[in-house]
Amino acid sequence: MRLADTIGREASTTGVDHGRYACRTCGIPLERDLDRCPECGHATIAPIEDVIDPTFSD
């Protein structure tokens, strides 16, 4: 688990919010808020908390 912990700390210090946004149309997670989704081309990017159904369970 040391490698995973190290990678997690490094990712948190880079200032990039990985997976903080998602496309409402296709659901692809994105690193940042873009004008258009690179996957489907729609302009439906939103914070990931607004895209994921809070009642979802795995």
Protein backbone atom coordinates (compact mmCIF):
# COMPACT_ATOMS: atom_id res chain seq x y z
CA MET A 1 0.00 0.00 0.00
CA ARG A 2 2.96 2.34 0.25
CA LEU A 3 3.00 2.96 -3.49
CA ALA A 4 -0.72 3.77 -3.53
CA ASP A 5 -0.29 6.12 -0.57
CA THR A 6 2.63 7.86 -2.26
CA ILE A 7 0.75 8.28 -5.51
CA GLY A 8 -2.28 9.60 -3.66
CA ARG A 9 -0.22 12.21 -1.84
CA GLU A 10 1.54 13.27 -5.05
CA ALA A 11 -1.76 13.60 -6.89
CA SER A 12 -3.25 15.69 -4.11
CA THR A 13 -0.33 18.11 -4.18
CA THR A 14 -0.35 18.71 -7.95
CA GLY A 15 -3.39 20.98 -7.76
CA VAL A 16 -5.31 19.00 -10.40
CA ASP A 17 -8.76 17.87 -9.39
CA HIS A 18 -8.89 14.48 -11.08
CA GLY A 19 -12.44 13.35 -11.64
CA ARG A 20 -14.01 16.46 -10.15
CA TYR A 21 -16.23 17.00 -13.21
CA ALA A 22 -18.25 14.77 -15.52
CA CYS A 23 -20.33 15.01 -18.66
CA ARG A 24 -24.08 14.85 -17.96
CA THR A 25 -24.67 13.29 -21.41
CA CYS A 26 -22.18 10.41 -21.55
CA GLY A 27 -20.98 10.29 -17.92
CA ILE A 28 -17.24 10.40 -18.66
CA PRO A 29 -15.24 11.78 -15.70
CA LEU A 30 -13.05 14.78 -16.50
CA GLU A 31 -10.07 16.38 -14.79
CA ARG A 32 -11.34 19.94 -15.18
CA ASP A 33 -14.32 21.99 -16.27
CA LEU A 34 -14.25 22.11 -20.08
CA ASP A 35 -16.49 23.89 -22.57
CA ARG A 36 -17.29 20.64 -24.40
CA CYS A 37 -16.94 16.95 -23.61
CA PRO A 38 -14.03 15.41 -25.53
CA GLU A 39 -15.95 12.11 -25.77
CA CYS A 40 -19.40 13.13 -27.05
CA GLY A 41 -18.98 16.84 -27.87
CA HIS A 42 -21.87 18.08 -25.74
CA ALA A 43 -21.56 21.19 -23.58
CA THR A 44 -22.99 19.48 -20.52
CA ILE A 45 -20.00 19.45 -18.15
CA ALA A 46 -20.90 19.74 -14.46
CA PRO A 47 -19.37 19.02 -11.05
CA ILE A 48 -19.34 15.28 -10.55
CA GLU A 49 -21.54 15.59 -7.44
CA ASP A 50 -24.32 16.95 -9.68
CA VAL A 51 -23.97 14.11 -12.21
CA ILE A 52 -23.83 11.05 -9.96
CA ASP A 53 -27.11 9.86 -8.47
CA PRO A 54 -26.67 9.98 -4.68
CA THR A 55 -28.85 6.87 -4.28
CA PHE A 56 -26.47 4.78 -6.43
CA SER A 57 -24.89 1.83 -4.68
CA ASP A 58 -22.48 -0.72 -6.04
